[in-house]
PDB file of N, CA and C in Angstrom:
ATOM      1  N   LYS A   1     -72.837   9.014 -81.431  1.00  0.00           N
ATOM      2  CA  LYS A   1     -73.518   9.690 -80.341  1.00  0.00           C
ATOM      3  C   LYS A   1     -72.517   9.933 -79.222  1.00  0.00           C
ATOM      4  N   ARG A   2     -72.492  11.133 -78.738  1.00  0.00           N
ATOM      5  CA  ARG A   2     -71.568  11.503 -77.675  1.00  0.00           C
ATOM      6  C   ARG A   2     -72.194  11.193 -76.316  1.00  0.00           C
ATOM      7  N   GLY A   3     -71.380  10.663 -75.427  1.00  0.00           N
ATOM      8  CA  GLY A   3     -71.868  10.333 -74.103  1.00  0.00           C
ATOM      9  C   GLY A   3     -71.736  11.489 -73.136  1.00  0.00           C
ATOM     10  N   LYS A   4     -72.001  11.207 -71.878  1.00  0.00           N
ATOM     11  CA  LYS A   4     -71.884  12.200 -70.813  1.00  0.00           C
ATOM     12  C   LYS A   4     -70.727  11.811 -69.916  1.00  0.00           C
ATOM     13  N   ALA A   5     -70.218  12.788 -69.185  1.00  0.00           N
ATOM     14  CA  ALA A   5     -69.100  12.540 -68.276  1.00  0.00           C
ATOM     15  C   ALA A   5     -69.328  13.291 -66.976  1.00  0.00           C
ATOM     16  N   LEU A   6     -68.799  12.747 -65.897  1.00  0.00           N
ATOM     17  CA  LEU A   6     -68.818  13.454 -64.621  1.00  0.00           C
ATOM     18  C   LEU A   6     -67.629  14.398 -64.596  1.00  0.00           C
ATOM     19  N   TYR A   7     -67.888  15.673 -64.294  1.00  0.00           N
ATOM     20  CA  TYR A   7     -66.831  16.682 -64.265  1.00  0.00           C
ATOM     21  C   TYR A   7     -67.259  17.797 -63.330  1.00  0.00           C
ATOM     22  N   ASN A   8     -66.389  18.157 -62.406  1.00  0.00           N
ATOM     23  CA  ASN A   8     -66.657  19.244 -61.464  1.00  0.00           C
ATOM     24  C   ASN A   8     -67.973  19.008 -60.716  1.00  0.00           C
ATOM     25  N   TYR A   9     -68.156  17.784 -60.248  1.00  0.00           N
ATOM     26  CA  TYR A   9     -69.319  17.369 -59.460  1.00  0.00           C
ATOM     27  C   TYR A   9     -70.635  17.509 -60.215  1.00  0.00           C
ATOM     28  N   GLY A  10     -70.577  17.417 -61.515  1.00  0.00           N
ATOM     29  CA  GLY A  10     -71.788  17.471 -62.317  1.00  0.00           C
ATOM     30  C   GLY A  10     -71.629  16.610 -63.556  1.00  0.00           C
ATOM     31  N   THR A  11     -72.685  16.533 -64.345  1.00  0.00           N
ATOM     32  CA  THR A  11     -72.654  15.768 -65.584  1.00  0.00           C
ATOM     33  C   THR A  11     -72.594  16.738 -66.752  1.00  0.00           C
ATOM     34  N   ILE A  12     -71.655  16.500 -67.667  1.00  0.00           N
ATOM     35  CA  ILE A  12     -71.516  17.353 -68.843  1.00  0.00           C
ATOM     36  C   ILE A  12     -71.472  16.489 -70.099  1.00  0.00           C
ATOM     37  N   VAL A  13     -71.728  17.102 -71.235  1.00  0.00           N
ATOM     38  CA  VAL A  13     -71.465  16.480 -72.528  1.00  0.00           C
ATOM     39  C   VAL A  13     -70.139  17.084 -72.967  1.00  0.00           C
ATOM     40  N   PRO A  14     -69.060  16.315 -72.875  1.00  0.00           N
ATOM     41  CA  PRO A  14     -67.738  16.895 -73.120  1.00  0.00           C
ATOM     42  C   PRO A  14     -67.536  17.312 -74.570  1.00  0.00           C
ATOM     43  N   GLY A  15     -66.868  18.454 -74.744  1.00  0.00           N
ATOM     44  CA  GLY A  15     -66.537  18.930 -76.073  1.00  0.00           C
ATOM     45  C   GLY A  15     -65.165  18.468 -76.509  1.00  0.00           C
ATOM     46  N   MET A  16     -64.478  17.755 -75.625  1.00  0.00           N
ATOM     47  CA  MET A  16     -63.144  17.244 -75.936  1.00  0.00           C
ATOM     48  C   MET A  16     -62.930  15.953 -75.161  1.00  0.00           C
ATOM     49  N   SER A  17     -61.875  15.226 -75.480  1.00  0.00           N
ATOM     50  CA  SER A  17     -61.666  13.917 -74.855  1.00  0.00           C
ATOM     51  C   SER A  17     -61.129  14.008 -73.434  1.00  0.00           C
ATOM     52  N   ASP A  18     -60.424  15.085 -73.107  1.00  0.00           N
ATOM     53  CA  ASP A  18     -59.863  15.251 -71.763  1.00  0.00           C
ATOM     54  C   ASP A  18     -60.186  16.639 -71.242  1.00  0.00           C
ATOM     55  N   ARG A  19     -60.361  16.745 -69.928  1.00  0.00           N
ATOM     56  CA  ARG A  19     -60.550  18.041 -69.278  1.00  0.00           C
ATOM     57  C   ARG A  19     -59.595  18.115 -68.102  1.00  0.00           C
ATOM     58  N   GLU A  20     -59.178  19.328 -67.788  1.00  0.00           N
ATOM     59  CA  GLU A  20     -58.217  19.543 -66.717  1.00  0.00           C
ATOM     60  C   GLU A  20     -58.904  19.534 -65.351  1.00  0.00           C
ATOM     61  N   GLY A  21     -58.134  19.162 -64.364  1.00  0.00           N
ATOM     62  CA  GLY A  21     -58.633  19.158 -63.002  1.00  0.00           C
ATOM     63  C   GLY A  21     -57.560  18.643 -62.066  1.00  0.00           C
ATOM     64  N   VAL A  22     -57.692  18.991 -60.805  1.00  0.00           N
ATOM     65  CA  VAL A  22     -56.748  18.522 -59.796  1.00  0.00           C
ATOM     66  C   VAL A  22     -57.534  18.239 -58.518  1.00  0.00           C
ATOM     67  N   SER A  23     -57.173  17.170 -57.838  1.00  0.00           N
ATOM     68  CA  SER A  23     -57.805  16.813 -56.567  1.00  0.00           C
ATOM     69  C   SER A  23     -56.726  16.460 -55.561  1.00  0.00           C
ATOM     70  N   VAL A  24     -57.018  16.730 -54.298  1.00  0.00           N
ATOM     71  CA  VAL A  24     -56.096  16.415 -53.205  1.00  0.00           C
ATOM     72  C   VAL A  24     -56.837  15.529 -52.210  1.00  0.00           C
ATOM     73  N   PHE A  25     -56.153  14.484 -51.760  1.00  0.00           N
ATOM     74  CA  PHE A  25     -56.732  13.552 -50.795  1.00  0.00           C
ATOM     75  C   PHE A  25     -55.809  13.427 -49.596  1.00  0.00           C
ATOM     76  N   TYR A  26     -56.397  13.084 -48.444  1.00  0.00           N
ATOM     77  CA  TYR A  26     -55.628  12.869 -47.220  1.00  0.00           C
ATOM     78  C   TYR A  26     -56.058  11.536 -46.624  1.00  0.00           C
ATOM     79  N   ARG A  27     -55.079  10.730 -46.233  1.00  0.00           N
ATOM     80  CA  ARG A  27     -55.376   9.470 -45.553  1.00  0.00           C
ATOM     81  C   ARG A  27     -54.961   9.632 -44.092  1.00  0.00           C
ATOM     82  N   ASP A  28     -55.905   9.478 -43.187  1.00  0.00           N
ATOM     83  CA  ASP A  28     -55.573   9.628 -41.767  1.00  0.00           C
ATOM     84  C   ASP A  28     -54.952   8.337 -41.234  1.00  0.00           C
ATOM     85  N   PRO A  29     -54.442   8.366 -40.015  1.00  0.00           N
ATOM     86  CA  PRO A  29     -53.756   7.187 -39.466  1.00  0.00           C
ATOM     87  C   PRO A  29     -54.603   5.912 -39.439  1.00  0.00           C
ATOM     88  N   SER A  30     -55.930   6.055 -39.377  1.00  0.00           N
ATOM     89  CA  SER A  30     -56.787   4.862 -39.356  1.00  0.00           C
ATOM     90  C   SER A  30     -57.016   4.295 -40.760  1.00  0.00           C
ATOM     91  N   GLY A  31     -56.584   5.027 -41.788  1.00  0.00           N
ATOM     92  CA  GLY A  31     -56.759   4.566 -43.161  1.00  0.00           C
ATOM     93  C   GLY A  31     -57.927   5.205 -43.890  1.00  0.00           C
ATOM     94  N   ALA A  32     -58.715   6.025 -43.192  1.00  0.00           N
ATOM     95  CA  ALA A  32     -59.833   6.710 -43.847  1.00  0.00           C
ATOM     96  C   ALA A  32     -59.286   7.752 -44.822  1.00  0.00           C
ATOM     97  N   VAL A  33     -59.899   7.844 -45.988  1.00  0.00           N
ATOM     98  CA  VAL A  33     -59.449   8.780 -47.018  1.00  0.00           C
ATOM     99  C   VAL A  33     -60.445   9.931 -47.119  1.00  0.00           C
ATOM    100  N   PHE A  34     -59.913  11.150 -47.145  1.00  0.00           N
ATOM    101  CA  PHE A  34     -60.728  12.355 -47.238  1.00  0.00           C
ATOM    102  C   PHE A  34     -60.353  13.130 -48.495  1.00  0.00           C
ATOM    103  N   HIS A  35     -61.362  13.558 -49.226  1.00  0.00           N
ATOM    104  CA  HIS A  35     -61.158  14.416 -50.392  1.00  0.00           C
ATOM    105  C   HIS A  35     -61.139  15.847 -49.859  1.00  0.00           C
ATOM    106  N   THR A  36     -59.956  16.482 -49.862  1.00  0.00           N
ATOM    107  CA  THR A  36     -59.808  17.777 -49.203  1.00  0.00           C
ATOM    108  C   THR A  36     -59.844  18.970 -50.136  1.00  0.00           C
ATOM    109  N   TYR A  37     -59.615  18.767 -51.444  1.00  0.00           N
ATOM    110  CA  TYR A  37     -59.578  19.908 -52.359  1.00  0.00           C
ATOM    111  C   TYR A  37     -59.762  19.431 -53.791  1.00  0.00           C
ATOM    112  N   SER A  38     -60.477  20.206 -54.572  1.00  0.00           N
ATOM    113  CA  SER A  38     -60.571  19.979 -56.018  1.00  0.00           C
ATOM    114  C   SER A  38     -60.675  21.316 -56.715  1.00  0.00           C
ATOM    115  N   SER A  39     -60.144  21.381 -57.911  1.00  0.00           N
ATOM    116  CA  SER A  39     -60.280  22.569 -58.741  1.00  0.00           C
ATOM    117  C   SER A  39     -60.316  22.118 -60.193  1.00  0.00           C
ATOM    118  N   TYR A  40     -61.094  22.833 -60.995  1.00  0.00           N
ATOM    119  CA  TYR A  40     -61.290  22.455 -62.388  1.00  0.00           C
ATOM    120  C   TYR A  40     -61.208  23.683 -63.279  1.00  0.00           C
ATOM    121  N   ALA A  41     -60.967  23.445 -64.569  1.00  0.00           N
ATOM    122  CA  ALA A  41     -60.961  24.478 -65.609  1.00  0.00           C
ATOM    123  C   ALA A  41     -60.071  25.651 -65.203  1.00  0.00           C
ATOM    124  N   ARG A  42     -60.599  26.861 -65.221  1.00  0.00           N
ATOM    125  CA  ARG A  42     -59.772  28.032 -64.934  1.00  0.00           C
ATOM    126  C   ARG A  42     -59.293  28.054 -63.481  1.00  0.00           C
ATOM    127  N   GLY A  43     -59.859  27.280 -62.626  1.00  0.00           N
ATOM    128  CA  GLY A  43     -59.446  27.248 -61.229  1.00  0.00           C
ATOM    129  C   GLY A  43     -58.075  26.641 -60.995  1.00  0.00           C
ATOM    130  N   ILE A  44     -57.504  25.961 -61.985  1.00  0.00           N
ATOM    131  CA  ILE A  44     -56.183  25.360 -61.785  1.00  0.00           C
ATOM    132  C   ILE A  44     -55.056  26.235 -62.310  1.00  0.00           C
ATOM    133  N   ASP A  45     -55.376  27.477 -62.708  1.00  0.00           N
ATOM    134  CA  ASP A  45     -54.338  28.386 -63.205  1.00  0.00           C
ATOM    135  C   ASP A  45     -53.202  28.571 -62.214  1.00  0.00           C
ATOM    136  N   MET A  46     -53.515  28.541 -60.929  1.00  0.00           N
ATOM    137  CA  MET A  46     -52.461  28.757 -59.929  1.00  0.00           C
ATOM    138  C   MET A  46     -51.384  27.678 -59.981  1.00  0.00           C
ATOM    139  N   LEU A  47     -51.674  26.546 -60.585  1.00  0.00           N
ATOM    140  CA  LEU A  47     -50.689  25.474 -60.696  1.00  0.00           C
ATOM    141  C   LEU A  47     -49.829  25.594 -61.948  1.00  0.00           C
ATOM    142  N   ASN A  48     -50.167  26.511 -62.831  1.00  0.00           N
ATOM    143  CA  ASN A  48     -49.406  26.713 -64.065  1.00  0.00           C
ATOM    144  C   ASN A  48     -48.433  27.867 -63.842  1.00  0.00           C
ATOM    145  N   THR A  49     -47.180  27.551 -63.597  1.00  0.00           N
ATOM    146  CA  THR A  49     -46.179  28.563 -63.271  1.00  0.00           C
ATOM    147  C   THR A  49     -46.055  29.621 -64.359  1.00  0.00           C
ATOM    148  N   ALA A  50     -46.143  29.232 -65.617  1.00  0.00           N
ATOM    149  CA  ALA A  50     -46.042  30.215 -66.704  1.00  0.00           C
ATOM    150  C   ALA A  50     -47.126  31.278 -66.573  1.00  0.00           C
ATOM    151  N   TYR A  51     -48.358  30.878 -66.273  1.00  0.00           N
ATOM    152  CA  TYR A  51     -49.432  31.854 -66.107  1.00  0.00           C
ATOM    153  C   TYR A  51     -49.177  32.747 -64.897  1.00  0.00           C
ATOM    154  N   ASN A  52     -48.611  32.203 -63.832  1.00  0.00           N
ATOM    155  CA  ASN A  52     -48.311  33.029 -62.661  1.00  0.00           C
ATOM    156  C   ASN A  52     -47.382  34.173 -63.031  1.00  0.00           C
ATOM    157  N   TYR A  53     -46.362  33.895 -63.824  1.00  0.00           N
ATOM    158  CA  TYR A  53     -45.440  34.949 -64.255  1.00  0.00           C
ATOM    159  C   TYR A  53     -46.104  35.903 -65.241  1.00  0.00           C
ATOM    160  N   LEU A  54     -46.866  35.389 -66.186  1.00  0.00           N
ATOM    161  CA  LEU A  54     -47.552  36.262 -67.142  1.00  0.00           C
ATOM    162  C   LEU A  54     -48.513  37.220 -66.439  1.00  0.00           C
ATOM    163  N   ASP A  55     -49.125  36.781 -65.360  1.00  0.00           N
ATOM    164  CA  ASP A  55     -50.058  37.633 -64.630  1.00  0.00           C
ATOM    165  C   ASP A  55     -49.363  38.812 -63.958  1.00  0.00           C
ATOM    166  N   LEU A  56     -48.041  38.792 -63.852  1.00  0.00           N
ATOM    167  CA  LEU A  56     -47.284  39.881 -63.230  1.00  0.00           C
ATOM    168  C   LEU A  56     -46.914  40.995 -64.205  1.00  0.00           C
ATOM    169  N   VAL A  57     -46.913  40.719 -65.498  1.00  0.00           N
ATOM    170  CA  VAL A  57     -46.433  41.696 -66.477  1.00  0.00           C
ATOM    171  C   VAL A  57     -47.575  42.577 -66.984  1.00  0.00           C
ATOM    172  N   PRO A  58     -47.247  43.776 -67.527  1.00  0.00           N
ATOM    173  CA  PRO A  58     -48.284  44.745 -67.892  1.00  0.00           C
ATOM    174  C   PRO A  58     -49.387  44.210 -68.808  1.00  0.00           C
ATOM    175  N   LYS A  59     -49.057  43.443 -69.841  1.00  0.00           N
ATOM    176  CA  LYS A  59     -50.095  42.942 -70.750  1.00  0.00           C
ATOM    177  C   LYS A  59     -50.655  41.599 -70.299  1.00  0.00           C
ATOM    178  N   GLY A  60     -50.134  41.079 -69.208  1.00  0.00           N
ATOM    179  CA  GLY A  60     -50.643  39.816 -68.690  1.00  0.00           C
ATOM    180  C   GLY A  60     -50.593  38.705 -69.712  1.00  0.00           C
ATOM    181  N   ARG A  61     -51.641  37.954 -69.791  1.00  0.00           N
ATOM    182  CA  ARG A  61     -51.708  36.836 -70.740  1.00  0.00           C
ATOM    183  C   ARG A  61     -52.036  37.308 -72.151  1.00  0.00           C
ATOM    184  N   ASP A  62     -52.497  38.543 -72.274  1.00  0.00           N
ATOM    185  CA  ASP A  62     -52.822  39.133 -73.577  1.00  0.00           C
ATOM    186  C   ASP A  62     -53.746  38.218 -74.381  1.00  0.00           C
ATOM    187  N   GLU A  63     -54.746  37.674 -73.686  1.00  0.00           N
ATOM    188  CA  GLU A  63     -55.663  36.725 -74.314  1.00  0.00           C
ATOM    189  C   GLU A  63     -56.823  37.438 -74.991  1.00  0.00           C
ATOM    190  N   ASP A  64     -57.231  36.914 -76.110  1.00  0.00           N
ATOM    191  CA  ASP A  64     -58.438  37.354 -76.793  1.00  0.00           C
ATOM    192  C   ASP A  64     -59.609  36.714 -76.046  1.00  0.00           C
ATOM    193  N   PRO A  65     -60.559  37.497 -75.545  1.00  0.00           N
ATOM    194  CA  PRO A  65     -61.670  36.915 -74.777  1.00  0.00           C
ATOM    195  C   PRO A  65     -62.451  35.843 -75.535  1.00  0.00           C
ATOM    196  N   ASP A  66     -62.443  35.924 -76.871  1.00  0.00           N
ATOM    197  CA  ASP A  66     -63.182  34.951 -77.675  1.00  0.00           C
ATOM    198  C   ASP A  66     -62.352  33.732 -78.047  1.00  0.00           C
ATOM    199  N   ASP A  67     -61.036  33.806 -77.835  1.00  0.00           N
ATOM    200  CA  ASP A  67     -60.145  32.695 -78.185  1.00  0.00           C
ATOM    201  C   ASP A  67     -58.943  32.722 -77.247  1.00  0.00           C
ATOM    202  N   THR A  68     -59.146  32.273 -76.008  1.00  0.00           N
ATOM    203  CA  THR A  68     -58.102  32.407 -74.985  1.00  0.00           C
ATOM    204  C   THR A  68     -56.844  31.606 -75.280  1.00  0.00           C
ATOM    205  N   GLN A  69     -56.922  30.620 -76.139  1.00  0.00           N
ATOM    206  CA  GLN A  69     -55.742  29.835 -76.496  1.00  0.00           C
ATOM    207  C   GLN A  69     -55.254  30.168 -77.906  1.00  0.00           C
ATOM    208  N   GLY A  70     -55.664  31.301 -78.456  1.00  0.00           N
ATOM    209  CA  GLY A  70     -55.303  31.684 -79.808  1.00  0.00           C
ATOM    210  C   GLY A  70     -53.813  31.865 -80.028  1.00  0.00           C
ATOM    211  N   TRP A  71     -53.075  32.147 -78.975  1.00  0.00           N
ATOM    212  CA  TRP A  71     -51.629  32.376 -79.087  1.00  0.00           C
ATOM    213  C   TRP A  71     -50.833  31.076 -79.149  1.00  0.00           C
ATOM    214  N   VAL A  72     -51.456  29.948 -78.868  1.00  0.00           N
ATOM    215  CA  VAL A  72     -50.745  28.669 -78.836  1.00  0.00           C
ATOM    216  C   VAL A  72     -50.337  28.271 -80.253  1.00  0.00           C
ATOM    217  N   ALA A  73     -49.063  27.928 -80.429  1.00  0.00           N
ATOM    218  CA  ALA A  73     -48.557  27.452 -81.720  1.00  0.00           C
ATOM    219  C   ALA A  73     -48.507  25.926 -81.676  1.00  0.00           C
ATOM    220  N   TYR A  74     -49.566  25.290 -82.133  1.00  0.00           N
ATOM    221  CA  TYR A  74     -49.644  23.834 -82.106  1.00  0.00           C
ATOM    222  C   TYR A  74     -48.630  23.233 -83.074  1.00  0.00           C
ATOM    223  N   HIS A  75     -47.899  22.246 -82.643  1.00  0.00           N
ATOM    224  CA  HIS A  75     -46.878  21.628 -83.486  1.00  0.00           C
ATOM    225  C   HIS A  75     -47.471  20.742 -84.576  1.00  0.00           C
ATOM    226  N   ASP A  76     -48.744  20.377 -84.447  1.00  0.00           N
ATOM    227  CA  ASP A  76     -49.342  19.481 -85.438  1.00  0.00           C
ATOM    228  C   ASP A  76     -50.421  20.159 -86.290  1.00  0.00           C
ATOM    229  N   ARG A  77     -50.490  21.491 -86.244  1.00  0.00           N
ATOM    230  CA  ARG A  77     -51.446  22.240 -87.067  1.00  0.00           C
ATOM    231  C   ARG A  77     -50.671  23.259 -87.899  1.00  0.00           C
ATOM    232  N   TYR A  78     -50.956  23.284 -89.181  1.00  0.00           N
ATOM    233  CA  TYR A  78     -50.229  24.190 -90.073  1.00  0.00           C
ATOM    234  C   TYR A  78     -51.176  25.073 -90.835  1.00  0.00           C
TER     235      TYR A  78
END
């Protein structure tokens, strides 16, 4: 039985063991911690330098809408 996980401020039934995300925190001089930014899934593309460059070229990422990672050559799949 698959469990649930907290992701992007909600509860999901994950389809994989890990999901992408980034969070930024700030600690003020008194020691209080503030959560200032979070982004998940496609929202973290800006942190992937390769995608930033691909977005500049005529064909862009050239992704298949039904299989956006279809171009990936996995080293452990033959």
